[in-house]
Amino acid sequence: MVGEIIIVVVRTLFRLIRDYDTRAWPTVQGVVETSEVSGSTAEVSYAYSINEESHWGVHRRDFCFHDSAAEYAKRFVPKWSLMIRYCEKDPHKSFVSESDQVNPPAWAMRYRD
């Protein structure tokens, strides 16, 4: 359990650093493709377009507990929009920052697929 907590802390630190490093990247509206949980990791796949070119990415966030990951994943409703940060020089590089998101209303999370 201690080893798992250390992994979560390290991955969270890297995610926070990446969030800081990408703060100047432009944003584009994307769409949630899937939202699922694997163990105590929430995984959200998404799609977005830059200059009519399609791109995809995966947003992962680690938690100490499965229930926390499941609650987080529930916030990303398939077919709902989300903001994506992308690298202008290489639009395939993207990042999902929690601070850029607007949560869907409670009814949307309740009636997800």
N, C-alpha and C. Protein backbone atom coordinates (compact mmCIF):
# COMPACT_ATOMS: atom_id res chain seq x y z
N MET A 1 0.82 -1.20 0.00
CA MET A 1 0.00 0.00 0.00
C MET A 1 0.86 1.26 0.00
N VAL A 2 1.96 1.25 0.76
CA VAL A 2 2.84 2.41 0.81
C VAL A 2 3.45 2.68 -0.57
N GLY A 3 3.85 1.61 -1.25
CA GLY A 3 4.41 1.75 -2.59
C GLY A 3 3.41 2.36 -3.56
N GLU A 4 2.14 1.96 -3.45
CA GLU A 4 1.09 2.51 -4.32
C GLU A 4 0.87 3.98 -4.03
N ILE A 5 0.93 4.37 -2.77
CA ILE A 5 0.75 5.78 -2.40
C ILE A 5 1.90 6.61 -2.96
N ILE A 6 3.10 6.09 -2.88
CA ILE A 6 4.26 6.81 -3.43
C ILE A 6 4.10 7.00 -4.93
N ILE A 7 3.64 5.96 -5.63
CA ILE A 7 3.43 6.06 -7.07
C ILE A 7 2.39 7.13 -7.38
N VAL A 8 1.29 7.16 -6.64
CA VAL A 8 0.24 8.17 -6.85
C VAL A 8 0.81 9.56 -6.61
N VAL A 9 1.60 9.74 -5.57
CA VAL A 9 2.18 11.05 -5.27
C VAL A 9 3.13 11.49 -6.39
N VAL A 10 3.97 10.60 -6.86
CA VAL A 10 4.93 10.94 -7.92
C VAL A 10 4.19 11.28 -9.22
N ARG A 11 3.20 10.47 -9.58
CA ARG A 11 2.45 10.75 -10.80
C ARG A 11 1.66 12.05 -10.69
N THR A 12 1.14 12.34 -9.51
CA THR A 12 0.43 13.60 -9.29
C THR A 12 1.39 14.77 -9.44
N LEU A 13 2.58 14.64 -8.91
CA LEU A 13 3.59 15.69 -9.05
C LEU A 13 3.91 15.94 -10.52
N PHE A 14 4.12 14.88 -11.29
CA PHE A 14 4.41 15.03 -12.73
C PHE A 14 3.22 15.67 -13.46
N ARG A 15 1.99 15.30 -13.09
CA ARG A 15 0.81 15.90 -13.72
C ARG A 15 0.73 17.39 -13.41
N LEU A 16 1.04 17.77 -12.18
CA LEU A 16 1.02 19.19 -11.81
C LEU A 16 2.10 19.98 -12.54
N ILE A 17 3.26 19.39 -12.72
CA ILE A 17 4.33 20.04 -13.48
C ILE A 17 3.92 20.20 -14.93
N ARG A 18 3.33 19.17 -15.50
CA ARG A 18 2.88 19.25 -16.90
C ARG A 18 1.77 20.29 -17.05
N ASP A 19 0.88 20.38 -16.07
CA ASP A 19 -0.17 21.39 -16.08
C ASP A 19 0.46 22.77 -16.12
N TYR A 20 1.47 22.99 -15.31
CA TYR A 20 2.16 24.29 -15.28
C TYR A 20 2.88 24.56 -16.60
N ASP A 21 3.56 23.55 -17.13
CA ASP A 21 4.32 23.71 -18.38
C ASP A 21 3.44 23.98 -19.60
N THR A 22 2.18 23.52 -19.56
CA THR A 22 1.30 23.68 -20.73
C THR A 22 0.32 24.85 -20.58
N ARG A 23 0.45 25.65 -19.54
CA ARG A 23 -0.52 26.72 -19.29
C ARG A 23 -0.59 27.75 -20.41
N ALA A 24 0.48 27.91 -21.20
CA ALA A 24 0.48 28.87 -22.30
C ALA A 24 0.04 28.25 -23.63
N TRP A 25 -0.20 26.94 -23.65
CA TRP A 25 -0.64 26.29 -24.87
C TRP A 25 -2.05 26.78 -25.23
N PRO A 26 -2.35 26.88 -26.51
CA PRO A 26 -3.72 27.25 -26.89
C PRO A 26 -4.69 26.12 -26.52
N THR A 27 -5.96 26.47 -26.41
CA THR A 27 -6.98 25.48 -26.09
C THR A 27 -7.95 25.32 -27.25
N VAL A 28 -8.56 24.16 -27.29
CA VAL A 28 -9.57 23.86 -28.28
C VAL A 28 -10.61 22.98 -27.60
N GLN A 29 -11.83 23.10 -28.06
CA GLN A 29 -12.88 22.27 -27.50
C GLN A 29 -12.81 20.88 -28.12
N GLY A 30 -12.81 19.87 -27.27
CA GLY A 30 -12.80 18.49 -27.72
C GLY A 30 -14.04 17.79 -27.22
N VAL A 31 -14.07 16.48 -27.40
CA VAL A 31 -15.22 15.70 -26.95
C VAL A 31 -14.72 14.43 -26.26
N VAL A 32 -15.38 14.06 -25.18
CA VAL A 32 -15.05 12.84 -24.45
C VAL A 32 -15.52 11.65 -25.28
N GLU A 33 -14.62 10.72 -25.51
CA GLU A 33 -14.97 9.48 -26.22
C GLU A 33 -15.38 8.41 -25.21
N THR A 34 -14.50 8.12 -24.26
CA THR A 34 -14.80 7.13 -23.23
C THR A 34 -14.27 7.63 -21.89
N SER A 35 -14.83 7.09 -20.84
CA SER A 35 -14.40 7.42 -19.49
C SER A 35 -14.54 6.13 -18.66
N GLU A 36 -13.41 5.63 -18.18
CA GLU A 36 -13.47 4.36 -17.45
C GLU A 36 -12.43 4.34 -16.34
N VAL A 37 -12.50 3.30 -15.54
CA VAL A 37 -11.60 3.15 -14.41
C VAL A 37 -10.88 1.81 -14.53
N SER A 38 -9.59 1.86 -14.31
CA SER A 38 -8.78 0.65 -14.29
C SER A 38 -8.04 0.64 -12.95
N GLY A 39 -8.49 -0.21 -12.04
CA GLY A 39 -7.91 -0.22 -10.70
C GLY A 39 -8.26 1.08 -9.99
N SER A 40 -7.24 1.85 -9.66
CA SER A 40 -7.48 3.15 -9.04
C SER A 40 -7.05 4.29 -9.96
N THR A 41 -7.09 4.03 -11.28
CA THR A 41 -6.74 5.03 -12.28
C THR A 41 -7.96 5.34 -13.14
N ALA A 42 -8.29 6.62 -13.24
CA ALA A 42 -9.35 7.08 -14.14
C ALA A 42 -8.71 7.37 -15.50
N GLU A 43 -9.33 6.87 -16.56
CA GLU A 43 -8.83 7.10 -17.92
C GLU A 43 -9.94 7.68 -18.78
N VAL A 44 -9.63 8.80 -19.40
CA VAL A 44 -10.59 9.49 -20.25
C VAL A 44 -9.96 9.64 -21.63
N SER A 45 -10.58 9.03 -22.63
CA SER A 45 -10.09 9.23 -24.00
C SER A 45 -10.92 10.34 -24.63
N TYR A 46 -10.27 11.12 -25.47
CA TYR A 46 -10.94 12.28 -26.07
C TYR A 46 -10.45 12.50 -27.49
N ALA A 47 -11.24 13.27 -28.23
CA ALA A 47 -10.91 13.62 -29.61
C ALA A 47 -11.01 15.13 -29.76
N TYR A 48 -10.21 15.67 -30.67
CA TYR A 48 -10.25 17.11 -30.96
C TYR A 48 -9.72 17.34 -32.37
N SER A 49 -10.02 18.50 -32.92
CA SER A 49 -9.57 18.82 -34.27
C SER A 49 -8.82 20.15 -34.27
N ILE A 50 -7.73 20.16 -35.04
CA ILE A 50 -6.95 21.38 -35.26
C ILE A 50 -6.80 21.52 -36.77
N ASN A 51 -7.28 22.65 -37.31
CA ASN A 51 -7.21 22.88 -38.75
C ASN A 51 -7.78 21.71 -39.55
N GLU A 52 -8.94 21.24 -39.12
CA GLU A 52 -9.66 20.15 -39.77
C GLU A 52 -8.91 18.81 -39.75
N GLU A 53 -7.90 18.69 -38.89
CA GLU A 53 -7.18 17.44 -38.73
C GLU A 53 -7.56 16.85 -37.37
N SER A 54 -7.97 15.59 -37.37
CA SER A 54 -8.42 14.93 -36.14
C SER A 54 -7.25 14.44 -35.31
N HIS A 55 -7.41 14.56 -33.99
CA HIS A 55 -6.41 14.10 -33.03
C HIS A 55 -7.12 13.41 -31.88
N TRP A 56 -6.39 12.56 -31.18
CA TRP A 56 -6.93 11.84 -30.03
C TRP A 56 -5.93 11.87 -28.91
N GLY A 57 -6.42 11.69 -27.71
CA GLY A 57 -5.54 11.64 -26.54
C GLY A 57 -6.21 10.89 -25.41
N VAL A 58 -5.42 10.64 -24.37
CA VAL A 58 -5.93 9.99 -23.16
C VAL A 58 -5.46 10.78 -21.95
N HIS A 59 -6.40 11.07 -21.10
CA HIS A 59 -6.13 11.76 -19.83
C HIS A 59 -6.23 10.71 -18.73
N ARG A 60 -5.15 10.57 -17.95
CA ARG A 60 -5.14 9.61 -16.84
C ARG A 60 -4.89 10.33 -15.54
N ARG A 61 -5.60 9.88 -14.52
CA ARG A 61 -5.35 10.42 -13.18
C ARG A 61 -5.42 9.27 -12.19
N ASP A 62 -4.35 9.18 -11.37
CA ASP A 62 -4.24 8.12 -10.38
C ASP A 62 -4.81 8.57 -9.04
N PHE A 63 -5.41 7.63 -8.35
CA PHE A 63 -5.97 7.85 -7.02
C PHE A 63 -5.52 6.73 -6.10
N CYS A 64 -5.67 6.94 -4.83
CA CYS A 64 -5.33 5.89 -3.86
C CYS A 64 -6.43 4.83 -3.77
N PHE A 65 -7.65 5.23 -4.11
CA PHE A 65 -8.79 4.32 -3.96
C PHE A 65 -9.59 4.24 -5.25
N HIS A 66 -10.11 3.05 -5.52
CA HIS A 66 -10.93 2.81 -6.70
C HIS A 66 -12.15 3.74 -6.71
N ASP A 67 -12.81 3.92 -5.57
CA ASP A 67 -14.01 4.76 -5.51
C ASP A 67 -13.73 6.20 -5.92
N SER A 68 -12.57 6.72 -5.53
CA SER A 68 -12.20 8.09 -5.90
C SER A 68 -11.99 8.21 -7.41
N ALA A 69 -11.35 7.19 -7.98
CA ALA A 69 -11.14 7.18 -9.44
C ALA A 69 -12.47 7.10 -10.17
N ALA A 70 -13.39 6.29 -9.64
CA ALA A 70 -14.71 6.14 -10.28
C ALA A 70 -15.49 7.45 -10.22
N GLU A 71 -15.43 8.16 -9.10
CA GLU A 71 -16.12 9.44 -8.97
C GLU A 71 -15.54 10.46 -9.94
N TYR A 72 -14.22 10.48 -10.08
CA TYR A 72 -13.56 11.40 -11.00
C TYR A 72 -13.96 11.08 -12.44
N ALA A 73 -13.92 9.80 -12.81
CA ALA A 73 -14.24 9.39 -14.18
C ALA A 73 -15.68 9.74 -14.53
N LYS A 74 -16.57 9.70 -13.53
CA LYS A 74 -17.98 10.03 -13.77
C LYS A 74 -18.17 11.46 -14.25
N ARG A 75 -17.23 12.33 -13.92
CA ARG A 75 -17.33 13.74 -14.32
C ARG A 75 -17.15 13.93 -15.83
N PHE A 76 -16.58 12.93 -16.50
CA PHE A 76 -16.31 13.02 -17.94
C PHE A 76 -17.33 12.15 -18.67
N VAL A 77 -18.40 12.77 -19.08
CA VAL A 77 -19.52 12.08 -19.71
C VAL A 77 -19.22 11.91 -21.20
N PRO A 78 -19.30 10.68 -21.74
CA PRO A 78 -19.08 10.50 -23.18
C PRO A 78 -19.97 11.42 -24.01
N LYS A 79 -19.38 11.95 -25.07
CA LYS A 79 -19.99 12.88 -26.00
C LYS A 79 -20.13 14.30 -25.42
N TRP A 80 -19.67 14.50 -24.19
CA TRP A 80 -19.70 15.83 -23.59
C TRP A 80 -18.41 16.54 -23.99
N SER A 81 -18.45 17.85 -24.06
CA SER A 81 -17.26 18.59 -24.47
C SER A 81 -16.30 18.81 -23.30
N LEU A 82 -15.04 19.00 -23.64
CA LEU A 82 -14.02 19.35 -22.66
C LEU A 82 -12.96 20.18 -23.35
N MET A 83 -12.23 20.96 -22.58
CA MET A 83 -11.18 21.81 -23.14
C MET A 83 -9.87 21.02 -23.18
N ILE A 84 -9.19 21.16 -24.30
CA ILE A 84 -7.92 20.48 -24.52
C ILE A 84 -6.86 21.54 -24.75
N ARG A 85 -5.73 21.40 -24.10
CA ARG A 85 -4.56 22.22 -24.42
C ARG A 85 -3.73 21.42 -25.41
N TYR A 86 -3.19 22.12 -26.43
CA TYR A 86 -2.38 21.41 -27.42
C TYR A 86 -1.16 22.24 -27.79
N CYS A 87 -0.13 21.55 -28.24
CA CYS A 87 1.11 22.19 -28.64
C CYS A 87 0.96 22.71 -30.07
N GLU A 88 1.18 24.00 -30.29
CA GLU A 88 1.03 24.57 -31.64
C GLU A 88 2.01 23.95 -32.63
N LYS A 89 3.22 23.65 -32.18
CA LYS A 89 4.22 23.07 -33.07
C LYS A 89 3.93 21.61 -33.41
N ASP A 90 3.25 20.93 -32.51
CA ASP A 90 2.92 19.52 -32.71
C ASP A 90 1.54 19.25 -32.11
N PRO A 91 0.46 19.49 -32.88
CA PRO A 91 -0.90 19.37 -32.35
C PRO A 91 -1.28 17.99 -31.84
N HIS A 92 -0.45 16.96 -32.13
CA HIS A 92 -0.71 15.63 -31.57
C HIS A 92 -0.45 15.61 -30.07
N LYS A 93 0.35 16.55 -29.57
CA LYS A 93 0.63 16.63 -28.15
C LYS A 93 -0.48 17.43 -27.49
N SER A 94 -1.11 16.83 -26.51
CA SER A 94 -2.23 17.50 -25.85
C SER A 94 -2.22 17.22 -24.36
N PHE A 95 -3.00 18.02 -23.65
CA PHE A 95 -3.08 17.88 -22.20
C PHE A 95 -4.46 18.35 -21.75
N VAL A 96 -5.04 17.64 -20.80
CA VAL A 96 -6.31 18.03 -20.20
C VAL A 96 -6.01 18.54 -18.80
N SER A 97 -6.29 19.82 -18.58
CA SER A 97 -6.10 20.42 -17.26
C SER A 97 -7.46 20.50 -16.57
N GLU A 98 -7.49 20.08 -15.32
CA GLU A 98 -8.74 20.14 -14.56
C GLU A 98 -9.22 21.58 -14.42
N SER A 99 -8.30 22.53 -14.37
CA SER A 99 -8.70 23.93 -14.18
C SER A 99 -9.40 24.51 -15.41
N ASP A 100 -9.27 23.88 -16.57
CA ASP A 100 -9.93 24.35 -17.80
C ASP A 100 -11.34 23.81 -17.97
N GLN A 101 -11.72 22.85 -17.15
CA GLN A 101 -12.97 22.12 -17.37
C GLN A 101 -14.17 22.77 -16.69
N VAL A 102 -15.30 22.59 -17.34
CA VAL A 102 -16.60 22.93 -16.75
C VAL A 102 -17.32 21.61 -16.61
N ASN A 103 -17.67 21.27 -15.38
CA ASN A 103 -18.33 19.98 -15.16
C ASN A 103 -19.72 19.95 -15.76
N PRO A 104 -20.09 18.81 -16.31
CA PRO A 104 -21.46 18.68 -16.81
C PRO A 104 -22.44 18.73 -15.65
N PRO A 105 -23.68 19.05 -15.91
CA PRO A 105 -24.66 19.08 -14.83
C PRO A 105 -24.87 17.69 -14.23
N ALA A 106 -25.38 17.67 -13.02
CA ALA A 106 -25.57 16.41 -12.30
C ALA A 106 -26.42 15.41 -13.08
N TRP A 107 -27.45 15.91 -13.79
CA TRP A 107 -28.31 14.99 -14.53
C TRP A 107 -27.54 14.26 -15.63
N ALA A 108 -26.55 14.93 -16.22
CA ALA A 108 -25.77 14.29 -17.30
C ALA A 108 -24.91 13.18 -16.73
N MET A 109 -24.36 13.38 -15.54
CA MET A 109 -23.52 12.35 -14.94
C MET A 109 -24.37 11.16 -14.49
N ARG A 110 -25.60 11.42 -14.07
CA ARG A 110 -26.48 10.36 -13.61
C ARG A 110 -26.92 9.43 -14.74
N TYR A 111 -27.09 9.99 -15.93
CA TYR A 111 -27.64 9.22 -17.06
C TYR A 111 -26.60 8.88 -18.10
N ARG A 112 -25.36 8.71 -17.69
CA ARG A 112 -24.32 8.36 -18.66
C ARG A 112 -24.53 6.96 -19.19
N ASP A 113 -23.94 6.72 -20.36
CA ASP A 113 -24.03 5.39 -20.99
C ASP A 113 -23.33 4.35 -20.16
